[in-house]
């Protein structure tokens, strides 16, 4: 299994807008095959819903 690599995404406010950030995030996600998603301790409905949505989105893009 290859070694994990650090993301090439800029941190925080280095993006001027969502229109700039979204393609960069998608490029990083597309470069990975396996992606770990996790919630916080004692997840509420919002947390669980976000995890389910993220899982569906990533699986639709062919990710494990």
Protein backbone atom coordinates (compact mmCIF):
# COMPACT_ATOMS: atom_id res chain seq x y z
CA UNK A 1 0.00 0.00 0.00
CA UNK A 2 1.45 3.43 -0.90
CA UNK A 3 2.30 5.89 1.84
CA UNK A 4 -0.31 8.59 2.49
CA UNK A 5 0.64 12.01 1.23
CA UNK A 6 -0.08 15.45 2.64
CA UNK A 7 -2.76 17.40 0.90
CA UNK A 8 -1.66 20.04 -1.56
CA UNK A 9 -4.63 22.23 -0.67
CA UNK A 10 -3.98 25.68 0.72
CA UNK A 11 -5.06 26.26 4.32
CA UNK A 12 -8.11 28.27 5.36
CA UNK A 13 -8.42 31.71 3.86
CA UNK A 14 -5.94 31.15 1.05
CA UNK A 15 -8.88 30.68 -1.31
CA UNK A 16 -10.50 33.87 -2.52
CA UNK A 17 -13.89 32.24 -3.08
CA UNK A 18 -15.81 28.98 -3.19
CA UNK A 19 -15.47 29.07 -6.99
CA UNK A 20 -11.72 28.86 -6.47
CA UNK A 21 -11.82 26.34 -3.62
CA UNK A 22 -14.21 23.75 -5.04
CA UNK A 23 -12.10 22.73 -8.07
CA UNK A 24 -9.01 22.45 -5.85
CA UNK A 25 -10.84 20.25 -3.34
CA UNK A 26 -12.24 18.04 -6.11
CA UNK A 27 -8.79 17.69 -7.66
CA UNK A 28 -7.38 16.52 -4.32
CA UNK A 29 -10.26 14.10 -3.76
CA UNK A 30 -9.92 12.70 -7.28
CA UNK A 31 -6.22 11.99 -6.67
CA UNK A 32 -7.08 9.71 -3.72
CA UNK A 33 -8.62 6.25 -3.92
CA UNK A 34 -9.38 5.66 -0.24
CA UNK A 35 -10.76 8.48 1.89
CA UNK A 36 -11.55 8.38 5.59
CA UNK A 37 -14.54 10.37 6.78
CA UNK A 38 -15.39 10.67 10.44
CA UNK A 39 -17.64 12.64 12.75
CA UNK A 40 -17.19 13.97 16.24
CA UNK A 41 -17.76 12.40 19.65
CA UNK A 42 -21.48 11.92 20.42
CA UNK A 43 -22.62 12.77 16.88
CA UNK A 44 -25.97 14.47 16.44
CA UNK A 45 -28.30 14.25 13.46
CA UNK A 46 -26.45 16.94 11.51
CA UNK A 47 -23.16 15.11 11.92
CA UNK A 48 -24.62 11.75 10.88
CA UNK A 49 -26.43 13.32 7.92
CA UNK A 50 -23.22 14.97 6.71
CA UNK A 51 -21.34 11.68 6.99
CA UNK A 52 -24.01 9.84 4.99
CA UNK A 53 -24.00 12.57 2.32
CA UNK A 54 -20.19 12.61 2.14
CA UNK A 55 -20.16 8.82 1.81
CA UNK A 56 -22.70 8.90 -1.03
CA UNK A 57 -20.82 11.71 -2.81
CA UNK A 58 -17.46 9.94 -2.56
CA UNK A 59 -18.85 6.55 -3.61
CA UNK A 60 -20.48 8.21 -6.64
CA UNK A 61 -16.99 9.44 -7.57
CA UNK A 62 -15.66 5.88 -7.30
CA UNK A 63 -13.86 6.22 -3.96
CA UNK A 64 -13.48 3.65 -1.19
